[in-house]
Amino acid sequence: MRLSPSITLALNITYLDLALIQRLFAGSRDFLPAPELYCSPVPRERHGKSGVARAKRKARKYRRQRGRHGHP
């Protein structure tokens, strides 16, 4: 299968761009400077805290914050 000249030219330009980008950033250690901006910590279950107990605790906290205004 033969590609048209315009497609070949576009692909060559893309490859040149990629080569240029790789050359620019190959030596720089700060290519992705602030990992906290794109890496979020993985949430994990803490030891000794079951999901049910935590849910009940959050429910109590929510009820306290809202105030019971006539509700038990």
PDB file of N, CA and C in Angstrom:
ATOM      1  N   MET A   1       0.848  -1.186   0.000  1.00  0.00           N
ATOM      2  CA  MET A   1       0.000   0.000   0.000  1.00  0.00           C
ATOM      3  C   MET A   1       0.891   1.246   0.000  1.00  0.00           C
ATOM      4  N   ARG A   2       0.606   2.137  -0.893  1.00  0.00           N
ATOM      5  CA  ARG A   2       1.422   3.343  -1.040  1.00  0.00           C
ATOM      6  C   ARG A   2       0.667   4.535  -0.460  1.00  0.00           C
ATOM      7  N   LEU A   3       1.345   5.308   0.392  1.00  0.00           N
ATOM      8  CA  LEU A   3       0.722   6.488   0.991  1.00  0.00           C
ATOM      9  C   LEU A   3       0.864   7.678   0.055  1.00  0.00           C
ATOM     10  N   SER A   4      -0.095   8.554   0.153  1.00  0.00           N
ATOM     11  CA  SER A   4      -0.014   9.759  -0.671  1.00  0.00           C
ATOM     12  C   SER A   4       1.108  10.655  -0.149  1.00  0.00           C
ATOM     13  N   PRO A   5       1.664  11.503  -1.005  1.00  0.00           N
ATOM     14  CA  PRO A   5       2.775  12.372  -0.571  1.00  0.00           C
ATOM     15  C   PRO A   5       2.400  13.287   0.596  1.00  0.00           C
ATOM     16  N   SER A   6       1.160  13.760   0.639  1.00  0.00           N
ATOM     17  CA  SER A   6       0.782  14.668   1.731  1.00  0.00           C
ATOM     18  C   SER A   6       0.758  13.932   3.070  1.00  0.00           C
ATOM     19  N   ILE A   7       0.292  12.682   3.060  1.00  0.00           N
ATOM     20  CA  ILE A   7       0.279  11.907   4.305  1.00  0.00           C
ATOM     21  C   ILE A   7       1.712  11.602   4.738  1.00  0.00           C
ATOM     22  N   THR A   8       2.553  11.254   3.781  1.00  0.00           N
ATOM     23  CA  THR A   8       3.953  10.973   4.095  1.00  0.00           C
ATOM     24  C   THR A   8       4.628  12.199   4.690  1.00  0.00           C
ATOM     25  N   LEU A   9       4.357  13.361   4.108  1.00  0.00           N
ATOM     26  CA  LEU A   9       4.936  14.605   4.625  1.00  0.00           C
ATOM     27  C   LEU A   9       4.448  14.877   6.047  1.00  0.00           C
ATOM     28  N   ALA A  10       3.150  14.686   6.284  1.00  0.00           N
ATOM     29  CA  ALA A  10       2.598  14.923   7.618  1.00  0.00           C
ATOM     30  C   ALA A  10       3.227  13.976   8.639  1.00  0.00           C
ATOM     31  N   LEU A  11       3.395  12.711   8.255  1.00  0.00           N
ATOM     32  CA  LEU A  11       4.012  11.754   9.175  1.00  0.00           C
ATOM     33  C   LEU A  11       5.462  12.115   9.458  1.00  0.00           C
ATOM     34  N   ASN A  12       6.185  12.551   8.426  1.00  0.00           N
ATOM     35  CA  ASN A  12       7.581  12.940   8.624  1.00  0.00           C
ATOM     36  C   ASN A  12       7.689  14.127   9.568  1.00  0.00           C
ATOM     37  N   ILE A  13       6.799  15.092   9.408  1.00  0.00           N
ATOM     38  CA  ILE A  13       6.812  16.262  10.299  1.00  0.00           C
ATOM     39  C   ILE A  13       6.527  15.823  11.735  1.00  0.00           C
ATOM     40  N   THR A  14       5.572  14.898  11.901  1.00  0.00           N
ATOM     41  CA  THR A  14       5.250  14.402  13.243  1.00  0.00           C
ATOM     42  C   THR A  14       6.456  13.710  13.868  1.00  0.00           C
ATOM     43  N   TYR A  15       7.139  12.872  13.082  1.00  0.00           N
ATOM     44  CA  TYR A  15       8.319  12.178  13.607  1.00  0.00           C
ATOM     45  C   TYR A  15       9.428  13.162  13.955  1.00  0.00           C
ATOM     46  N   LEU A  16       9.586  14.215  13.150  1.00  0.00           N
ATOM     47  CA  LEU A  16      10.597  15.224  13.465  1.00  0.00           C
ATOM     48  C   LEU A  16      10.253  15.937  14.768  1.00  0.00           C
ATOM     49  N   ASP A  17       8.965  16.245  14.943  1.00  0.00           N
ATOM     50  CA  ASP A  17       8.540  16.892  16.188  1.00  0.00           C
ATOM     51  C   ASP A  17       8.839  16.001  17.392  1.00  0.00           C
ATOM     52  N   LEU A  18       8.529  14.708  17.252  1.00  0.00           N
ATOM     53  CA  LEU A  18       8.790  13.788  18.362  1.00  0.00           C
ATOM     54  C   LEU A  18      10.282  13.715  18.679  1.00  0.00           C
ATOM     55  N   ALA A  19      11.096  13.661  17.634  1.00  0.00           N
ATOM     56  CA  ALA A  19      12.546  13.598  17.854  1.00  0.00           C
ATOM     57  C   ALA A  19      13.041  14.863  18.547  1.00  0.00           C
ATOM     58  N   LEU A  20      12.514  16.006  18.142  1.00  0.00           N
ATOM     59  CA  LEU A  20      12.919  17.269  18.760  1.00  0.00           C
ATOM     60  C   LEU A  20      12.512  17.307  20.234  1.00  0.00           C
ATOM     61  N   ILE A  21      11.292  16.884  20.519  1.00  0.00           N
ATOM     62  CA  ILE A  21      10.812  16.887  21.906  1.00  0.00           C
ATOM     63  C   ILE A  21      11.661  15.949  22.760  1.00  0.00           C
ATOM     64  N   GLN A  22      11.954  14.761  22.205  1.00  0.00           N
ATOM     65  CA  GLN A  22      12.772  13.826  22.978  1.00  0.00           C
ATOM     66  C   GLN A  22      14.161  14.393  23.237  1.00  0.00           C
ATOM     67  N   ARG A  23      14.724  15.063  22.257  1.00  0.00           N
ATOM     68  CA  ARG A  23      16.062  15.628  22.432  1.00  0.00           C
ATOM     69  C   ARG A  23      16.033  16.749  23.473  1.00  0.00           C
ATOM     70  N   LEU A  24      14.976  17.551  23.451  1.00  0.00           N
ATOM     71  CA  LEU A  24      14.896  18.660  24.403  1.00  0.00           C
ATOM     72  C   LEU A  24      14.796  18.159  25.840  1.00  0.00           C
ATOM     73  N   PHE A  25      13.988  17.124  26.043  1.00  0.00           N
ATOM     74  CA  PHE A  25      13.689  16.713  27.414  1.00  0.00           C
ATOM     75  C   PHE A  25      14.479  15.500  27.875  1.00  0.00           C
ATOM     76  N   ALA A  26      15.318  14.945  27.016  1.00  0.00           N
ATOM     77  CA  ALA A  26      16.057  13.746  27.424  1.00  0.00           C
ATOM     78  C   ALA A  26      17.019  14.064  28.560  1.00  0.00           C
ATOM     79  N   GLY A  27      17.667  15.218  28.513  1.00  0.00           N
ATOM     80  CA  GLY A  27      18.655  15.541  29.532  1.00  0.00           C
ATOM     81  C   GLY A  27      18.083  16.215  30.749  1.00  0.00           C
ATOM     82  N   SER A  28      16.855  16.682  30.682  1.00  0.00           N
ATOM     83  CA  SER A  28      16.325  17.437  31.819  1.00  0.00           C
ATOM     84  C   SER A  28      15.667  16.491  32.808  1.00  0.00           C
ATOM     85  N   ARG A  29      16.077  16.603  34.055  1.00  0.00           N
ATOM     86  CA  ARG A  29      15.487  15.753  35.093  1.00  0.00           C
ATOM     87  C   ARG A  29      14.128  16.290  35.511  1.00  0.00           C
ATOM     88  N   ASP A  30      13.848  17.551  35.218  1.00  0.00           N
ATOM     89  CA  ASP A  30      12.599  18.166  35.663  1.00  0.00           C
ATOM     90  C   ASP A  30      11.548  18.162  34.567  1.00  0.00           C
ATOM     91  N   PHE A  31      11.506  17.083  33.799  1.00  0.00           N
ATOM     92  CA  PHE A  31      10.518  17.041  32.716  1.00  0.00           C
ATOM     93  C   PHE A  31       9.105  17.095  33.296  1.00  0.00           C
ATOM     94  N   LEU A  32       8.866  16.367  34.380  1.00  0.00           N
ATOM     95  CA  LEU A  32       7.595  16.443  35.098  1.00  0.00           C
ATOM     96  C   LEU A  32       7.932  16.951  36.493  1.00  0.00           C
ATOM     97  N   PRO A  33       7.957  18.255  36.688  1.00  0.00           N
ATOM     98  CA  PRO A  33       8.596  18.831  37.865  1.00  0.00           C
ATOM     99  C   PRO A  33       7.911  18.561  39.197  1.00  0.00           C
ATOM    100  N   ALA A  34       6.587  18.577  39.255  1.00  0.00           N
ATOM    101  CA  ALA A  34       5.927  18.484  40.553  1.00  0.00           C
ATOM    102  C   ALA A  34       5.039  17.243  40.590  1.00  0.00           C
ATOM    103  N   PRO A  35       5.536  16.130  41.104  1.00  0.00           N
ATOM    104  CA  PRO A  35       4.726  14.907  41.069  1.00  0.00           C
ATOM    105  C   PRO A  35       3.434  15.010  41.862  1.00  0.00           C
ATOM    106  N   GLU A  36       3.386  15.897  42.875  1.00  0.00           N
ATOM    107  CA  GLU A  36       2.144  15.997  43.646  1.00  0.00           C
ATOM    108  C   GLU A  36       0.995  16.563  42.815  1.00  0.00           C
ATOM    109  N   LEU A  37       1.313  17.186  41.686  1.00  0.00           N
ATOM    110  CA  LEU A  37       0.248  17.729  40.845  1.00  0.00           C
ATOM    111  C   LEU A  37      -0.427  16.652  40.006  1.00  0.00           C
ATOM    112  N   TYR A  38       0.283  15.581  39.696  1.00  0.00           N
ATOM    113  CA  TYR A  38      -0.325  14.565  38.840  1.00  0.00           C
ATOM    114  C   TYR A  38      -0.322  13.183  39.477  1.00  0.00           C
ATOM    115  N   CYS A  39       0.259  13.016  40.647  1.00  0.00           N
ATOM    116  CA  CYS A  39       0.228  11.733  41.353  1.00  0.00           C
ATOM    117  C   CYS A  39      -0.542  11.929  42.648  1.00  0.00           C
ATOM    118  N   SER A  40      -1.696  11.316  42.746  1.00  0.00           N
ATOM    119  CA  SER A  40      -2.427  11.418  44.000  1.00  0.00           C
ATOM    120  C   SER A  40      -2.149  10.167  44.822  1.00  0.00           C
ATOM    121  N   PRO A  41      -2.097  10.288  46.130  1.00  0.00           N
ATOM    122  CA  PRO A  41      -1.844   9.102  46.945  1.00  0.00           C
ATOM    123  C   PRO A  41      -2.994   8.107  46.820  1.00  0.00           C
ATOM    124  N   VAL A  42      -2.657   6.834  46.872  1.00  0.00           N
ATOM    125  CA  VAL A  42      -3.679   5.802  46.736  1.00  0.00           C
ATOM    126  C   VAL A  42      -4.376   5.647  48.078  1.00  0.00           C
ATOM    127  N   PRO A  43      -5.709   5.811  48.116  1.00  0.00           N
ATOM    128  CA  PRO A  43      -6.399   5.642  49.393  1.00  0.00           C
ATOM    129  C   PRO A  43      -6.350   4.178  49.826  1.00  0.00           C
ATOM    130  N   ARG A  44      -6.047   3.944  51.084  1.00  0.00           N
ATOM    131  CA  ARG A  44      -5.979   2.567  51.561  1.00  0.00           C
ATOM    132  C   ARG A  44      -6.643   2.465  52.924  1.00  0.00           C
ATOM    133  N   GLU A  45      -7.093   1.295  53.226  1.00  0.00           N
ATOM    134  CA  GLU A  45      -7.737   1.049  54.513  1.00  0.00           C
ATOM    135  C   GLU A  45      -6.682   1.065  55.608  1.00  0.00           C
ATOM    136  N   ARG A  46      -6.893   1.865  56.638  1.00  0.00           N
ATOM    137  CA  ARG A  46      -5.941   1.906  57.737  1.00  0.00           C
ATOM    138  C   ARG A  46      -6.133   0.674  58.623  1.00  0.00           C
ATOM    139  N   HIS A  47      -5.080   0.298  59.330  1.00  0.00           N
ATOM    140  CA  HIS A  47      -5.176  -0.870  60.203  1.00  0.00           C
ATOM    141  C   HIS A  47      -6.088  -0.560  61.377  1.00  0.00           C
ATOM    142  N   GLY A  48      -6.927  -1.517  61.729  1.00  0.00           N
ATOM    143  CA  GLY A  48      -7.762  -1.379  62.911  1.00  0.00           C
ATOM    144  C   GLY A  48      -8.995  -0.527  62.724  1.00  0.00           C
ATOM    145  N   LYS A  49      -9.303  -0.136  61.509  1.00  0.00           N
ATOM    146  CA  LYS A  49     -10.502   0.661  61.277  1.00  0.00           C
ATOM    147  C   LYS A  49     -11.352  -0.070  60.246  1.00  0.00           C
ATOM    148  N   SER A  50     -12.393  -0.712  60.702  1.00  0.00           N
ATOM    149  CA  SER A  50     -13.250  -1.406  59.742  1.00  0.00           C
ATOM    150  C   SER A  50     -14.137  -0.383  59.044  1.00  0.00           C
ATOM    151  N   GLY A  51     -14.635  -0.756  57.893  1.00  0.00           N
ATOM    152  CA  GLY A  51     -15.462   0.166  57.115  1.00  0.00           C
ATOM    153  C   GLY A  51     -16.745   0.540  57.825  1.00  0.00           C
ATOM    154  N   VAL A  52     -17.356  -0.428  58.539  1.00  0.00           N
ATOM    155  CA  VAL A  52     -18.623  -0.165  59.216  1.00  0.00           C
ATOM    156  C   VAL A  52     -18.418   0.843  60.337  1.00  0.00           C
ATOM    157  N   ALA A  53     -17.360   0.649  61.123  1.00  0.00           N
ATOM    158  CA  ALA A  53     -17.105   1.567  62.238  1.00  0.00           C
ATOM    159  C   ALA A  53     -16.850   2.971  61.714  1.00  0.00           C
ATOM    160  N   ARG A  54     -16.116   3.056  60.612  1.00  0.00           N
ATOM    161  CA  ARG A  54     -15.830   4.382  60.057  1.00  0.00           C
ATOM    162  C   ARG A  54     -17.109   5.034  59.542  1.00  0.00           C
ATOM    163  N   ALA A  55     -17.976   4.260  58.914  1.00  0.00           N
ATOM    164  CA  ALA A  55     -19.233   4.814  58.404  1.00  0.00           C
ATOM    165  C   ALA A  55     -20.103   5.316  59.552  1.00  0.00           C
ATOM    166  N   LYS A  56     -20.148   4.539  60.641  1.00  0.00           N
ATOM    167  CA  LYS A  56     -20.944   4.976  61.792  1.00  0.00           C
ATOM    168  C   LYS A  56     -20.378   6.257  62.390  1.00  0.00           C
ATOM    169  N   ARG A  57     -19.053   6.327  62.472  1.00  0.00           N
ATOM    170  CA  ARG A  57     -18.412   7.521  63.012  1.00  0.00           C
ATOM    171  C   ARG A  57     -18.735   8.734  62.154  1.00  0.00           C
ATOM    172  N   LYS A  58     -18.657   8.568  60.830  1.00  0.00           N
ATOM    173  CA  LYS A  58     -18.962   9.699  59.940  1.00  0.00           C
ATOM    174  C   LYS A  58     -20.424  10.102  60.057  1.00  0.00           C
ATOM    175  N   ALA A  59     -21.316   9.118  60.240  1.00  0.00           N
ATOM    176  CA  ALA A  59     -22.738   9.431  60.390  1.00  0.00           C
ATOM    177  C   ALA A  59     -22.975  10.231  61.664  1.00  0.00           C
ATOM    178  N   ARG A  60     -22.306   9.824  62.758  1.00  0.00           N
ATOM    179  CA  ARG A  60     -22.444  10.585  64.008  1.00  0.00           C
ATOM    180  C   ARG A  60     -21.919  12.003  63.847  1.00  0.00           C
ATOM    181  N   LYS A  61     -20.793  12.128  63.180  1.00  0.00           N
ATOM    182  CA  LYS A  61     -20.215  13.456  62.959  1.00  0.00           C
ATOM    183  C   LYS A  61     -21.171  14.319  62.142  1.00  0.00           C
ATOM    184  N   TYR A  62     -21.775  13.727  61.123  1.00  0.00           N
ATOM    185  CA  TYR A  62     -22.708  14.468  60.270  1.00  0.00           C
ATOM    186  C   TYR A  62     -23.918  14.924  61.077  1.00  0.00           C
ATOM    187  N   ARG A  63     -24.451  14.020  61.912  1.00  0.00           N
ATOM    188  CA  ARG A  63     -25.619  14.392  62.720  1.00  0.00           C
ATOM    189  C   ARG A  63     -25.271  15.511  63.688  1.00  0.00           C
ATOM    190  N   ARG A  64     -24.063  15.431  64.289  1.00  0.00           N
ATOM    191  CA  ARG A  64     -23.647  16.498  65.211  1.00  0.00           C
ATOM    192  C   ARG A  64     -23.516  17.832  64.488  1.00  0.00           C
ATOM    193  N   GLN A  65     -22.950  17.803  63.297  1.00  0.00           N
ATOM    194  CA  GLN A  65     -22.750  19.052  62.559  1.00  0.00           C
ATOM    195  C   GLN A  65     -24.083  19.671  62.154  1.00  0.00           C
ATOM    196  N   ARG A  66     -25.024  18.832  61.762  1.00  0.00           N
ATOM    197  CA  ARG A  66     -26.288  19.352  61.261  1.00  0.00           C
ATOM    198  C   ARG A  66     -27.179  19.848  62.391  1.00  0.00           C
ATOM    199  N   GLY A  67     -26.984  19.332  63.573  1.00  0.00           N
ATOM    200  CA  GLY A  67     -27.881  19.678  64.663  1.00  0.00           C
ATOM    201  C   GLY A  67     -29.164  18.886  64.483  1.00  0.00           C
ATOM    202  N   ARG A  68     -29.783  18.475  65.563  1.00  0.00           N
ATOM    203  CA  ARG A  68     -30.881  17.524  65.399  1.00  0.00           C
ATOM    204  C   ARG A  68     -32.228  18.189  65.226  1.00  0.00           C
ATOM    205  N   HIS A  69     -32.415  19.401  65.390  1.00  0.00           N
ATOM    206  CA  HIS A  69     -33.627  20.179  65.092  1.00  0.00           C
ATOM    207  C   HIS A  69     -34.911  19.359  65.035  1.00  0.00           C
ATOM    208  N   GLY A  70     -35.231  18.699  66.138  1.00  0.00           N
ATOM    209  CA  GLY A  70     -36.496  17.979  66.214  1.00  0.00           C
ATOM    210  C   GLY A  70     -36.444  16.556  65.713  1.00  0.00           C
ATOM    211  N   HIS A  71     -35.297  16.087  65.276  1.00  0.00           N
ATOM    212  CA  HIS A  71     -35.191  14.695  64.812  1.00  0.00           C
ATOM    213  C   HIS A  71     -34.356  13.905  65.809  1.00  0.00           C
ATOM    214  N   PRO A  72     -34.716  12.644  66.022  1.00  0.00           N
ATOM    215  CA  PRO A  72     -33.950  11.844  67.002  1.00  0.00           C
ATOM    216  C   PRO A  72     -32.562  11.502  66.515  1.00  0.00           C
TER     217      PRO A  72
END
